[in-house]
Amino acid sequence: MTTPEWLKPGIYGALLGGAFVGIVGFSWGGWVTGSNAEKMASEMAEDRVIAALVPFCLDMSRTDEERIAKLATIREASSFRQRDAVMETGWTTMPGAEGPNRDLAQACIEGLDLDAS
């Protein structure tokens, strides 16, 4: 099929316009693919769950009979090992979970008063 000469500029314009709109939309327009949106939603949900569980961790630390000794162990640990020390206390293991949660341990460190004597 032959395309009339008068129609070719319109076809080229539509193709270039579509490409331009796509590039601008994904670059500056805030458009995302479905998989990227799902990934962002999953990360946001996980962050919110961790934030909701921090009071649980802090409450576990307050009611622990060995709190003073465990806090001393956490304080003595280097800054990059404190998360592991908090995980070893058992304060970041949720009921029904197989093990401690690393992200919760990191968030719990911020809530613990490690600077107090």
PDB file of N, CA and C in Angstrom:
ATOM      1  N   MET A   1       0.837  -1.180   0.000  1.00  0.00           N
ATOM      2  CA  MET A   1       0.000   0.000   0.000  1.00  0.00           C
ATOM      3  C   MET A   1       0.880   1.240   0.000  1.00  0.00           C
ATOM      4  N   THR A   2       0.544   2.134  -0.836  1.00  0.00           N
ATOM      5  CA  THR A   2       1.303   3.378  -0.900  1.00  0.00           C
ATOM      6  C   THR A   2       0.601   4.446  -0.078  1.00  0.00           C
ATOM      7  N   THR A   3       1.408   5.212   0.605  1.00  0.00           N
ATOM      8  CA  THR A   3       0.880   6.286   1.454  1.00  0.00           C
ATOM      9  C   THR A   3       0.967   7.579   0.661  1.00  0.00           C
ATOM     10  N   PRO A   4      -0.112   8.350   0.652  1.00  0.00           N
ATOM     11  CA  PRO A   4      -0.049   9.629  -0.063  1.00  0.00           C
ATOM     12  C   PRO A   4       1.009  10.545   0.552  1.00  0.00           C
ATOM     13  N   GLU A   5       1.648  11.328  -0.255  1.00  0.00           N
ATOM     14  CA  GLU A   5       2.710  12.236   0.186  1.00  0.00           C
ATOM     15  C   GLU A   5       2.207  13.239   1.230  1.00  0.00           C
ATOM     16  N   TRP A   6       1.002  13.675   1.141  1.00  0.00           N
ATOM     17  CA  TRP A   6       0.487  14.660   2.082  1.00  0.00           C
ATOM     18  C   TRP A   6       0.268  14.081   3.484  1.00  0.00           C
ATOM     19  N   LEU A   7       0.223  12.738   3.600  1.00  0.00           N
ATOM     20  CA  LEU A   7      -0.018  12.082   4.885  1.00  0.00           C
ATOM     21  C   LEU A   7       1.281  11.769   5.640  1.00  0.00           C
ATOM     22  N   LYS A   8       2.413  11.677   4.921  1.00  0.00           N
ATOM     23  CA  LYS A   8       3.677  11.308   5.546  1.00  0.00           C
ATOM     24  C   LYS A   8       4.110  12.273   6.651  1.00  0.00           C
ATOM     25  N   PRO A   9       4.042  13.578   6.517  1.00  0.00           N
ATOM     26  CA  PRO A   9       4.442  14.468   7.622  1.00  0.00           C
ATOM     27  C   PRO A   9       3.591  14.252   8.879  1.00  0.00           C
ATOM     28  N   GLY A  10       2.309  13.959   8.688  1.00  0.00           N
ATOM     29  CA  GLY A  10       1.441  13.698   9.839  1.00  0.00           C
ATOM     30  C   GLY A  10       1.830  12.408  10.554  1.00  0.00           C
ATOM     31  N   ILE A  11       2.195  11.382   9.809  1.00  0.00           N
ATOM     32  CA  ILE A  11       2.610  10.112  10.407  1.00  0.00           C
ATOM     33  C   ILE A  11       3.924  10.293  11.167  1.00  0.00           C
ATOM     34  N   TYR A  12       4.882  10.959  10.539  1.00  0.00           N
ATOM     35  CA  TYR A  12       6.162  11.213  11.210  1.00  0.00           C
ATOM     36  C   TYR A  12       5.968  12.069  12.464  1.00  0.00           C
ATOM     37  N   GLY A  13       5.118  13.051  12.377  1.00  0.00           N
ATOM     38  CA  GLY A  13       4.846  13.912  13.538  1.00  0.00           C
ATOM     39  C   GLY A  13       4.211  13.131  14.674  1.00  0.00           C
ATOM     40  N   ALA A  14       3.289  12.236  14.354  1.00  0.00           N
ATOM     41  CA  ALA A  14       2.638  11.430  15.386  1.00  0.00           C
ATOM     42  C   ALA A  14       3.641  10.495  16.053  1.00  0.00           C
ATOM     43  N   LEU A  15       4.515   9.873  15.262  1.00  0.00           N
ATOM     44  CA  LEU A  15       5.522   8.975  15.829  1.00  0.00           C
ATOM     45  C   LEU A  15       6.512   9.734  16.706  1.00  0.00           C
ATOM     46  N   LEU A  16       7.021  10.847  16.220  1.00  0.00           N
ATOM     47  CA  LEU A  16       7.958  11.640  17.018  1.00  0.00           C
ATOM     48  C   LEU A  16       7.276  12.232  18.254  1.00  0.00           C
ATOM     49  N   GLY A  17       6.048  12.680  18.105  1.00  0.00           N
ATOM     50  CA  GLY A  17       5.303  13.218  19.250  1.00  0.00           C
ATOM     51  C   GLY A  17       5.060  12.153  20.308  1.00  0.00           C
ATOM     52  N   GLY A  18       4.711  10.947  19.888  1.00  0.00           N
ATOM     53  CA  GLY A  18       4.500   9.849  20.835  1.00  0.00           C
ATOM     54  C   GLY A  18       5.777   9.505  21.584  1.00  0.00           C
ATOM     55  N   ALA A  19       6.894   9.454  20.852  1.00  0.00           N
ATOM     56  CA  ALA A  19       8.181   9.164  21.494  1.00  0.00           C
ATOM     57  C   ALA A  19       8.543  10.276  22.480  1.00  0.00           C
ATOM     58  N   PHE A  20       8.320  11.528  22.076  1.00  0.00           N
ATOM     59  CA  PHE A  20       8.624  12.671  22.945  1.00  0.00           C
ATOM     60  C   PHE A  20       7.778  12.633  24.215  1.00  0.00           C
ATOM     61  N   VAL A  21       6.497  12.375  24.087  1.00  0.00           N
ATOM     62  CA  VAL A  21       5.603  12.314  25.247  1.00  0.00           C
ATOM     63  C   VAL A  21       6.035  11.177  26.180  1.00  0.00           C
ATOM     64  N   GLY A  22       6.415  10.032  25.614  1.00  0.00           N
ATOM     65  CA  GLY A  22       6.875   8.912  26.435  1.00  0.00           C
ATOM     66  C   GLY A  22       8.148   9.234  27.197  1.00  0.00           C
ATOM     67  N   ILE A  23       9.096   9.831  26.518  1.00  0.00           N
ATOM     68  CA  ILE A  23      10.370  10.187  27.155  1.00  0.00           C
ATOM     69  C   ILE A  23      10.153  11.215  28.257  1.00  0.00           C
ATOM     70  N   VAL A  24       9.413  12.263  27.948  1.00  0.00           N
ATOM     71  CA  VAL A  24       9.154  13.306  28.948  1.00  0.00           C
ATOM     72  C   VAL A  24       8.334  12.750  30.110  1.00  0.00           C
ATOM     73  N   GLY A  25       7.353  11.923  29.832  1.00  0.00           N
ATOM     74  CA  GLY A  25       6.508  11.365  30.887  1.00  0.00           C
ATOM     75  C   GLY A  25       7.281  10.498  31.862  1.00  0.00           C
ATOM     76  N   PHE A  26       8.162   9.629  31.356  1.00  0.00           N
ATOM     77  CA  PHE A  26       8.931   8.748  32.238  1.00  0.00           C
ATOM     78  C   PHE A  26      10.110   9.468  32.893  1.00  0.00           C
ATOM     79  N   SER A  27      10.634  10.511  32.224  1.00  0.00           N
ATOM     80  CA  SER A  27      11.774  11.231  32.795  1.00  0.00           C
ATOM     81  C   SER A  27      11.336  12.239  33.842  1.00  0.00           C
ATOM     82  N   TRP A  28      10.436  13.130  33.465  1.00  0.00           N
ATOM     83  CA  TRP A  28      10.059  14.235  34.344  1.00  0.00           C
ATOM     84  C   TRP A  28       8.616  14.169  34.819  1.00  0.00           C
ATOM     85  N   GLY A  29       7.790  13.399  34.164  1.00  0.00           N
ATOM     86  CA  GLY A  29       6.368  13.381  34.486  1.00  0.00           C
ATOM     87  C   GLY A  29       5.979  12.494  35.655  1.00  0.00           C
ATOM     88  N   GLY A  30       6.917  11.711  36.161  1.00  0.00           N
ATOM     89  CA  GLY A  30       6.611  10.851  37.293  1.00  0.00           C
ATOM     90  C   GLY A  30       5.950   9.538  36.921  1.00  0.00           C
ATOM     91  N   TRP A  31       5.915   9.202  35.663  1.00  0.00           N
ATOM     92  CA  TRP A  31       5.342   7.928  35.266  1.00  0.00           C
ATOM     93  C   TRP A  31       6.278   6.811  35.683  1.00  0.00           C
ATOM     94  N   VAL A  32       5.736   5.677  36.070  1.00  0.00           N
ATOM     95  CA  VAL A  32       6.541   4.510  36.408  1.00  0.00           C
ATOM     96  C   VAL A  32       5.894   3.275  35.798  1.00  0.00           C
ATOM     97  N   THR A  33       6.706   2.251  35.646  1.00  0.00           N
ATOM     98  CA  THR A  33       6.166   0.991  35.137  1.00  0.00           C
ATOM     99  C   THR A  33       5.448   0.280  36.275  1.00  0.00           C
ATOM    100  N   GLY A  34       4.658  -0.690  35.932  1.00  0.00           N
ATOM    101  CA  GLY A  34       3.921  -1.443  36.943  1.00  0.00           C
ATOM    102  C   GLY A  34       4.840  -2.151  37.930  1.00  0.00           C
ATOM    103  N   SER A  35       5.926  -2.730  37.444  1.00  0.00           N
ATOM    104  CA  SER A  35       6.846  -3.436  38.341  1.00  0.00           C
ATOM    105  C   SER A  35       7.560  -2.470  39.273  1.00  0.00           C
ATOM    106  N   ASN A  36       7.905  -1.291  38.781  1.00  0.00           N
ATOM    107  CA  ASN A  36       8.553  -0.283  39.625  1.00  0.00           C
ATOM    108  C   ASN A  36       7.577   0.232  40.683  1.00  0.00           C
ATOM    109  N   ALA A  37       6.330   0.432  40.304  1.00  0.00           N
ATOM    110  CA  ALA A  37       5.320   0.887  41.269  1.00  0.00           C
ATOM    111  C   ALA A  37       5.093  -0.169  42.344  1.00  0.00           C
ATOM    112  N   GLU A  38       5.086  -1.432  41.946  1.00  0.00           N
ATOM    113  CA  GLU A  38       4.913  -2.523  42.914  1.00  0.00           C
ATOM    114  C   GLU A  38       6.102  -2.583  43.877  1.00  0.00           C
ATOM    115  N   LYS A  39       7.303  -2.397  43.358  1.00  0.00           N
ATOM    116  CA  LYS A  39       8.510  -2.405  44.195  1.00  0.00           C
ATOM    117  C   LYS A  39       8.466  -1.252  45.200  1.00  0.00           C
ATOM    118  N   MET A  40       8.093  -0.061  44.741  1.00  0.00           N
ATOM    119  CA  MET A  40       8.017   1.091  45.636  1.00  0.00           C
ATOM    120  C   MET A  40       6.951   0.885  46.705  1.00  0.00           C
ATOM    121  N   ALA A  41       5.823   0.328  46.344  1.00  0.00           N
ATOM    122  CA  ALA A  41       4.751   0.077  47.307  1.00  0.00           C
ATOM    123  C   ALA A  41       5.184  -0.954  48.341  1.00  0.00           C
ATOM    124  N   SER A  42       5.895  -1.975  47.905  1.00  0.00           N
ATOM    125  CA  SER A  42       6.379  -3.004  48.821  1.00  0.00           C
ATOM    126  C   SER A  42       7.376  -2.422  49.823  1.00  0.00           C
ATOM    127  N   GLU A  43       8.290  -1.597  49.339  1.00  0.00           N
ATOM    128  CA  GLU A  43       9.271  -0.965  50.224  1.00  0.00           C
ATOM    129  C   GLU A  43       8.586  -0.041  51.226  1.00  0.00           C
ATOM    130  N   MET A  44       7.599   0.719  50.765  1.00  0.00           N
ATOM    131  CA  MET A  44       6.884   1.631  51.642  1.00  0.00           C
ATOM    132  C   MET A  44       6.113   0.858  52.710  1.00  0.00           C
ATOM    133  N   ALA A  45       5.488  -0.237  52.318  1.00  0.00           N
ATOM    134  CA  ALA A  45       4.745  -1.049  53.282  1.00  0.00           C
ATOM    135  C   ALA A  45       5.678  -1.650  54.315  1.00  0.00           C
ATOM    136  N   GLU A  46       6.832  -2.132  53.882  1.00  0.00           N
ATOM    137  CA  GLU A  46       7.794  -2.713  54.817  1.00  0.00           C
ATOM    138  C   GLU A  46       8.296  -1.660  55.806  1.00  0.00           C
ATOM    139  N   ASP A  47       8.570  -0.453  55.311  1.00  0.00           N
ATOM    140  CA  ASP A  47       9.016   0.632  56.201  1.00  0.00           C
ATOM    141  C   ASP A  47       7.954   0.971  57.236  1.00  0.00           C
ATOM    142  N   ARG A  48       6.708   0.987  56.811  1.00  0.00           N
ATOM    143  CA  ARG A  48       5.621   1.312  57.750  1.00  0.00           C
ATOM    144  C   ARG A  48       5.427   0.210  58.790  1.00  0.00           C
ATOM    145  N   VAL A  49       5.581  -1.039  58.382  1.00  0.00           N
ATOM    146  CA  VAL A  49       5.455  -2.151  59.327  1.00  0.00           C
ATOM    147  C   VAL A  49       6.579  -2.079  60.358  1.00  0.00           C
ATOM    148  N   ILE A  50       7.793  -1.812  59.914  1.00  0.00           N
ATOM    149  CA  ILE A  50       8.926  -1.694  60.840  1.00  0.00           C
ATOM    150  C   ILE A  50       8.674  -0.551  61.819  1.00  0.00           C
ATOM    151  N   ALA A  51       8.192   0.586  61.309  1.00  0.00           N
ATOM    152  CA  ALA A  51       7.905   1.723  62.184  1.00  0.00           C
ATOM    153  C   ALA A  51       6.828   1.361  63.202  1.00  0.00           C
ATOM    154  N   ALA A  52       5.870   0.562  62.817  1.00  0.00           N
ATOM    155  CA  ALA A  52       4.808   0.159  63.741  1.00  0.00           C
ATOM    156  C   ALA A  52       5.310  -0.833  64.778  1.00  0.00           C
ATOM    157  N   LEU A  53       6.366  -1.589  64.462  1.00  0.00           N
ATOM    158  CA  LEU A  53       6.878  -2.595  65.389  1.00  0.00           C
ATOM    159  C   LEU A  53       7.950  -2.070  66.342  1.00  0.00           C
ATOM    160  N   VAL A  54       8.471  -0.881  66.105  1.00  0.00           N
ATOM    161  CA  VAL A  54       9.492  -0.319  66.993  1.00  0.00           C
ATOM    162  C   VAL A  54       8.987  -0.217  68.434  1.00  0.00           C
ATOM    163  N   PRO A  55       7.759   0.246  68.689  1.00  0.00           N
ATOM    164  CA  PRO A  55       7.290   0.269  70.083  1.00  0.00           C
ATOM    165  C   PRO A  55       7.278  -1.117  70.730  1.00  0.00           C
ATOM    166  N   PHE A  56       7.012  -2.159  69.960  1.00  0.00           N
ATOM    167  CA  PHE A  56       7.057  -3.526  70.481  1.00  0.00           C
ATOM    168  C   PHE A  56       8.475  -3.850  70.952  1.00  0.00           C
ATOM    169  N   CYS A  57       9.467  -3.524  70.149  1.00  0.00           N
ATOM    170  CA  CYS A  57      10.860  -3.779  70.499  1.00  0.00           C
ATOM    171  C   CYS A  57      11.240  -3.004  71.760  1.00  0.00           C
ATOM    172  N   LEU A  58      10.853  -1.747  71.828  1.00  0.00           N
ATOM    173  CA  LEU A  58      11.186  -0.923  72.989  1.00  0.00           C
ATOM    174  C   LEU A  58      10.491  -1.437  74.242  1.00  0.00           C
ATOM    175  N   ASP A  59       9.256  -1.908  74.100  1.00  0.00           N
ATOM    176  CA  ASP A  59       8.539  -2.465  75.237  1.00  0.00           C
ATOM    177  C   ASP A  59       9.206  -3.754  75.706  1.00  0.00           C
ATOM    178  N   MET A  60       9.631  -4.579  74.760  1.00  0.00           N
ATOM    179  CA  MET A  60      10.345  -5.807  75.124  1.00  0.00           C
ATOM    180  C   MET A  60      11.622  -5.471  75.892  1.00  0.00           C
ATOM    181  N   SER A  61      12.307  -4.416  75.476  1.00  0.00           N
ATOM    182  CA  SER A  61      13.547  -4.055  76.169  1.00  0.00           C
ATOM    183  C   SER A  61      13.254  -3.529  77.574  1.00  0.00           C
ATOM    184  N   ARG A  62      12.164  -2.784  77.735  1.00  0.00           N
ATOM    185  CA  ARG A  62      11.815  -2.234  79.056  1.00  0.00           C
ATOM    186  C   ARG A  62      11.423  -3.315  80.052  1.00  0.00           C
ATOM    187  N   THR A  63      10.779  -4.374  79.572  1.00  0.00           N
ATOM    188  CA  THR A  63      10.283  -5.414  80.467  1.00  0.00           C
ATOM    189  C   THR A  63      11.269  -6.564  80.645  1.00  0.00           C
ATOM    190  N   ASP A  64      12.398  -6.523  79.958  1.00  0.00           N
ATOM    191  CA  ASP A  64      13.396  -7.592  80.067  1.00  0.00           C
ATOM    192  C   ASP A  64      14.125  -7.470  81.410  1.00  0.00           C
ATOM    193  N   GLU A  65      14.186  -8.584  82.146  1.00  0.00           N
ATOM    194  CA  GLU A  65      14.847  -8.591  83.453  1.00  0.00           C
ATOM    195  C   GLU A  65      16.357  -8.396  83.323  1.00  0.00           C
ATOM    196  N   GLU A  66      16.916  -8.730  82.178  1.00  0.00           N
ATOM    197  CA  GLU A  66      18.359  -8.588  81.945  1.00  0.00           C
ATOM    198  C   GLU A  66      18.673  -7.339  81.134  1.00  0.00           C
ATOM    199  N   ARG A  67      17.790  -6.368  81.161  1.00  0.00           N
ATOM    200  CA  ARG A  67      17.912  -5.139  80.360  1.00  0.00           C
ATOM    201  C   ARG A  67      19.257  -4.455  80.544  1.00  0.00           C
ATOM    202  N   ILE A  68      19.707  -4.251  81.773  1.00  0.00           N
ATOM    203  CA  ILE A  68      20.933  -3.493  82.037  1.00  0.00           C
ATOM    204  C   ILE A  68      22.131  -4.189  81.393  1.00  0.00           C
ATOM    205  N   ALA A  69      22.227  -5.487  81.568  1.00  0.00           N
ATOM    206  CA  ALA A  69      23.354  -6.233  80.994  1.00  0.00           C
ATOM    207  C   ALA A  69      23.301  -6.220  79.466  1.00  0.00           C
ATOM    208  N   LYS A  70      22.122  -6.381  78.912  1.00  0.00           N
ATOM    209  CA  LYS A  70      21.995  -6.401  77.452  1.00  0.00           C
ATOM    210  C   LYS A  70      22.295  -5.027  76.862  1.00  0.00           C
ATOM    211  N   LEU A  71      21.831  -3.967  77.526  1.00  0.00           N
ATOM    212  CA  LEU A  71      22.143  -2.616  77.041  1.00  0.00           C
ATOM    213  C   LEU A  71      23.643  -2.351  77.119  1.00  0.00           C
ATOM    214  N   ALA A  72      24.290  -2.841  78.166  1.00  0.00           N
ATOM    215  CA  ALA A  72      25.742  -2.671  78.282  1.00  0.00           C
ATOM    216  C   ALA A  72      26.446  -3.380  77.135  1.00  0.00           C
ATOM    217  N   THR A  73      25.976  -4.573  76.780  1.00  0.00           N
ATOM    218  CA  THR A  73      26.563  -5.314  75.662  1.00  0.00           C
ATOM    219  C   THR A  73      26.373  -4.551  74.357  1.00  0.00           C
ATOM    220  N   ILE A  74      25.204  -3.969  74.183  1.00  0.00           N
ATOM    221  CA  ILE A  74      24.924  -3.203  72.953  1.00  0.00           C
ATOM    222  C   ILE A  74      25.811  -1.967  72.900  1.00  0.00           C
ATOM    223  N   ARG A  75      25.958  -1.265  74.036  1.00  0.00           N
ATOM    224  CA  ARG A  75      26.798  -0.061  74.074  1.00  0.00           C
ATOM    225  C   ARG A  75      28.263  -0.393  73.773  1.00  0.00           C
ATOM    226  N   GLU A  76      28.732  -1.529  74.266  1.00  0.00           N
ATOM    227  CA  GLU A  76      30.131  -1.919  74.077  1.00  0.00           C
ATOM    228  C   GLU A  76      30.422  -2.326  72.638  1.00  0.00           C
ATOM    229  N   ALA A  77      29.421  -2.750  71.921  1.00  0.00           N
ATOM    230  CA  ALA A  77      29.616  -3.174  70.529  1.00  0.00           C
ATOM    231  C   ALA A  77      29.945  -1.968  69.671  1.00  0.00           C
ATOM    232  N   SER A  78      30.768  -2.198  68.656  1.00  0.00           N
ATOM    233  CA  SER A  78      31.068  -1.111  67.726  1.00  0.00           C
ATOM    234  C   SER A  78      29.786  -0.731  66.988  1.00  0.00           C
ATOM    235  N   SER A  79      29.775   0.438  66.417  1.00  0.00           N
ATOM    236  CA  SER A  79      28.541   0.963  65.817  1.00  0.00           C
ATOM    237  C   SER A  79      27.978   0.046  64.730  1.00  0.00           C
ATOM    238  N   PHE A  80      28.838  -0.618  63.967  1.00  0.00           N
ATOM    239  CA  PHE A  80      28.331  -1.498  62.909  1.00  0.00           C
ATOM    240  C   PHE A  80      27.943  -2.874  63.429  1.00  0.00           C
ATOM    241  N   ARG A  81      28.247  -3.196  64.688  1.00  0.00           N
ATOM    242  CA  ARG A  81      27.860  -4.473  65.279  1.00  0.00           C
ATOM    243  C   ARG A  81      26.694  -4.324  66.256  1.00  0.00           C
ATOM    244  N   GLN A  82      26.256  -3.096  66.504  1.00  0.00           N
ATOM    245  CA  GLN A  82      25.156  -2.889  67.447  1.00  0.00           C
ATOM    246  C   GLN A  82      23.873  -3.566  66.980  1.00  0.00           C
ATOM    247  N   ARG A  83      23.622  -3.547  65.694  1.00  0.00           N
ATOM    248  CA  ARG A  83      22.409  -4.184  65.175  1.00  0.00           C
ATOM    249  C   ARG A  83      22.409  -5.673  65.498  1.00  0.00           C
ATOM    250  N   ASP A  84      23.565  -6.323  65.313  1.00  0.00           N
ATOM    251  CA  ASP A  84      23.661  -7.750  65.645  1.00  0.00           C
ATOM    252  C   ASP A  84      23.474  -7.972  67.139  1.00  0.00           C
ATOM    253  N   ALA A  85      24.002  -7.052  67.954  1.00  0.00           N
ATOM    254  CA  ALA A  85      23.848  -7.178  69.406  1.00  0.00           C
ATOM    255  C   ALA A  85      22.383  -7.047  69.809  1.00  0.00           C
ATOM    256  N   VAL A  86      21.651  -6.152  69.177  1.00  0.00           N
ATOM    257  CA  VAL A  86      20.224  -6.001  69.476  1.00  0.00           C
ATOM    258  C   VAL A  86      19.473  -7.250  69.029  1.00  0.00           C
ATOM    259  N   MET A  87      19.854  -7.811  67.905  1.00  0.00           N
ATOM    260  CA  MET A  87      19.197  -9.025  67.419  1.00  0.00           C
ATOM    261  C   MET A  87      19.421 -10.191  68.386  1.00  0.00           C
ATOM    262  N   GLU A  88      20.589 -10.247  69.013  1.00  0.00           N
ATOM    263  CA  GLU A  88      20.890 -11.324  69.947  1.00  0.00           C
ATOM    264  C   GLU A  88      20.088 -11.213  71.245  1.00  0.00           C
ATOM    265  N   THR A  89      19.580 -10.034  71.569  1.00  0.00           N
ATOM    266  CA  THR A  89      18.797  -9.866  72.801  1.00  0.00           C
ATOM    267  C   THR A  89      17.446 -10.555  72.718  1.00  0.00           C
ATOM    268  N   GLY A  90      16.941 -10.760  71.509  1.00  0.00           N
ATOM    269  CA  GLY A  90      15.618 -11.360  71.332  1.00  0.00           C
ATOM    270  C   GLY A  90      14.505 -10.335  71.254  1.00  0.00           C
ATOM    271  N   TRP A  91      14.840  -9.070  71.367  1.00  0.00           N
ATOM    272  CA  TRP A  91      13.830  -8.011  71.342  1.00  0.00           C
ATOM    273  C   TRP A  91      13.245  -7.788  69.950  1.00  0.00           C
ATOM    274  N   THR A  92      13.932  -8.236  68.932  1.00  0.00           N
ATOM    275  CA  THR A  92      13.471  -7.999  67.561  1.00  0.00           C
ATOM    276  C   THR A  92      12.891  -9.252  66.916  1.00  0.00           C
ATOM    277  N   THR A  93      12.646 -10.272  67.694  1.00  0.00           N
ATOM    278  CA  THR A  93      12.016 -11.483  67.176  1.00  0.00           C
ATOM    279  C   THR A  93      10.529 -11.413  67.486  1.00  0.00           C
ATOM    280  N   MET A  94       9.727 -11.310  66.459  1.00  0.00           N
ATOM    281  CA  MET A  94       8.289 -11.210  66.622  1.00  0.00           C
ATOM    282  C   MET A  94       7.697 -12.578  66.941  1.00  0.00           C
ATOM    283  N   PRO A  95       6.626 -12.614  67.696  1.00  0.00           N
ATOM    284  CA  PRO A  95       5.975 -13.904  67.966  1.00  0.00           C
ATOM    285  C   PRO A  95       5.586 -14.588  66.654  1.00  0.00           C
ATOM    286  N   GLY A  96       5.961 -15.831  66.538  1.00  0.00           N
ATOM    287  CA  GLY A  96       5.666 -16.593  65.329  1.00  0.00           C
ATOM    288  C   GLY A  96       6.738 -16.492  64.259  1.00  0.00           C
ATOM    289  N   ALA A  97       7.712 -15.593  64.443  1.00  0.00           N
ATOM    290  CA  ALA A  97       8.779 -15.441  63.459  1.00  0.00           C
ATOM    291  C   ALA A  97       9.880 -16.462  63.727  1.00  0.00           C
ATOM    292  N   GLU A  98      10.591 -16.822  62.689  1.00  0.00           N
ATOM    293  CA  GLU A  98      11.670 -17.800  62.824  1.00  0.00           C
ATOM    294  C   GLU A  98      12.927 -17.195  63.426  1.00  0.00           C
ATOM    295  N   GLY A  99      13.118 -15.903  63.239  1.00  0.00           N
ATOM    296  CA  GLY A  99      14.326 -15.266  63.745  1.00  0.00           C
ATOM    297  C   GLY A  99      14.138 -13.767  63.868  1.00  0.00           C
ATOM    298  N   PRO A 100      15.170 -13.074  64.321  1.00  0.00           N
ATOM    299  CA  PRO A 100      15.088 -11.622  64.489  1.00  0.00           C
ATOM    300  C   PRO A 100      15.046 -10.893  63.148  1.00  0.00           C
ATOM    301  N   ASN A 101      14.502  -9.690  63.184  1.00  0.00           N
ATOM    302  CA  ASN A 101      14.373  -8.866  61.985  1.00  0.00           C
ATOM    303  C   ASN A 101      15.473  -7.806  61.999  1.00  0.00           C
ATOM    304  N   ARG A 102      16.323  -7.808  60.978  1.00  0.00           N
ATOM    305  CA  ARG A 102      17.466  -6.878  60.908  1.00  0.00           C
ATOM    306  C   ARG A 102      17.003  -5.430  60.815  1.00  0.00           C
ATOM    307  N   ASP A 103      15.997  -5.171  60.006  1.00  0.00           N
ATOM    308  CA  ASP A 103      15.526  -3.793  59.845  1.00  0.00           C
ATOM    309  C   ASP A 103      14.910  -3.274  61.143  1.00  0.00           C
ATOM    310  N   LEU A 104      14.186  -4.126  61.839  1.00  0.00           N
ATOM    311  CA  LEU A 104      13.605  -3.739  63.114  1.00  0.00           C
ATOM    312  C   LEU A 104      14.702  -3.479  64.137  1.00  0.00           C
ATOM    313  N   ALA A 105      15.759  -4.285  64.121  1.00  0.00           N
ATOM    314  CA  ALA A 105      16.878  -4.073  65.047  1.00  0.00           C
ATOM    315  C   ALA A 105      17.512  -2.709  64.817  1.00  0.00           C
ATOM    316  N   GLN A 106      17.699  -2.327  63.556  1.00  0.00           N
ATOM    317  CA  GLN A 106      18.290  -1.025  63.247  1.00  0.00           C
ATOM    318  C   GLN A 106      17.385   0.103  63.721  1.00  0.00           C
ATOM    319  N   ALA A 107      16.087  -0.036  63.510  1.00  0.00           N
ATOM    320  CA  ALA A 107      15.149   1.001  63.945  1.00  0.00           C
ATOM    321  C   ALA A 107      15.060   1.044  65.466  1.00  0.00           C
ATOM    322  N   CYS A 108      15.180  -0.101  66.111  1.00  0.00           N
ATOM    323  CA  CYS A 108      15.096  -0.170  67.565  1.00  0.00           C
ATOM    324  C   CYS A 108      16.304   0.499  68.216  1.00  0.00           C
ATOM    325  N   ILE A 109      17.467   0.414  67.588  1.00  0.00           N
ATOM    326  CA  ILE A 109      18.672   1.060  68.108  1.00  0.00           C
ATOM    327  C   ILE A 109      18.422   2.549  68.270  1.00  0.00           C
ATOM    328  N   GLU A 110      17.760   3.138  67.294  1.00  0.00           N
ATOM    329  CA  GLU A 110      17.486   4.570  67.342  1.00  0.00           C
ATOM    330  C   GLU A 110      16.547   4.929  68.491  1.00  0.00           C
ATOM    331  N   GLY A 111      15.657   4.007  68.873  1.00  0.00           N
ATOM    332  CA  GLY A 111      14.729   4.265  69.950  1.00  0.00           C
ATOM    333  C   GLY A 111      15.280   3.981  71.332  1.00  0.00           C
ATOM    334  N   LEU A 112      16.306   3.133  71.400  1.00  0.00           N
ATOM    335  CA  LEU A 112      16.916   2.826  72.691  1.00  0.00           C
ATOM    336  C   LEU A 112      17.777   3.998  73.143  1.00  0.00           C
ATOM    337  N   ASP A 113      17.786   4.258  74.415  1.00  0.00           N
ATOM    338  CA  ASP A 113      18.590   5.357  74.959  1.00  0.00           C
ATOM    339  C   ASP A 113      19.961   4.818  75.293  1.00  0.00           C
ATOM    340  N   LEU A 114      20.816   4.682  74.281  1.00  0.00           N
ATOM    341  CA  LEU A 114      22.136   4.086  74.481  1.00  0.00           C
ATOM    342  C   LEU A 114      23.140   5.058  75.079  1.00  0.00           C
ATOM    343  N   ASP A 115      22.831   6.337  75.062  1.00  0.00           N
ATOM    344  CA  ASP A 115      23.755   7.333  75.597  1.00  0.00           C
ATOM    345  C   ASP A 115      23.624   7.482  77.105  1.00  0.00           C
ATOM    346  N   ALA A 116      22.516   7.032  77.686  1.00  0.00           N
ATOM    347  CA  ALA A 116      22.311   7.169  79.125  1.00  0.00           C
ATOM    348  C   ALA A 116      23.197   6.191  79.872  1.00  0.00           C
ATOM    349  N   SER A 117      23.560   6.531  81.061  1.00  0.00           N
ATOM    350  CA  SER A 117      24.419   5.662  81.874  1.00  0.00           C
ATOM    351  C   SER A 117      23.621   4.630  82.589  1.00  0.00           C
TER     352      SER A 117
END
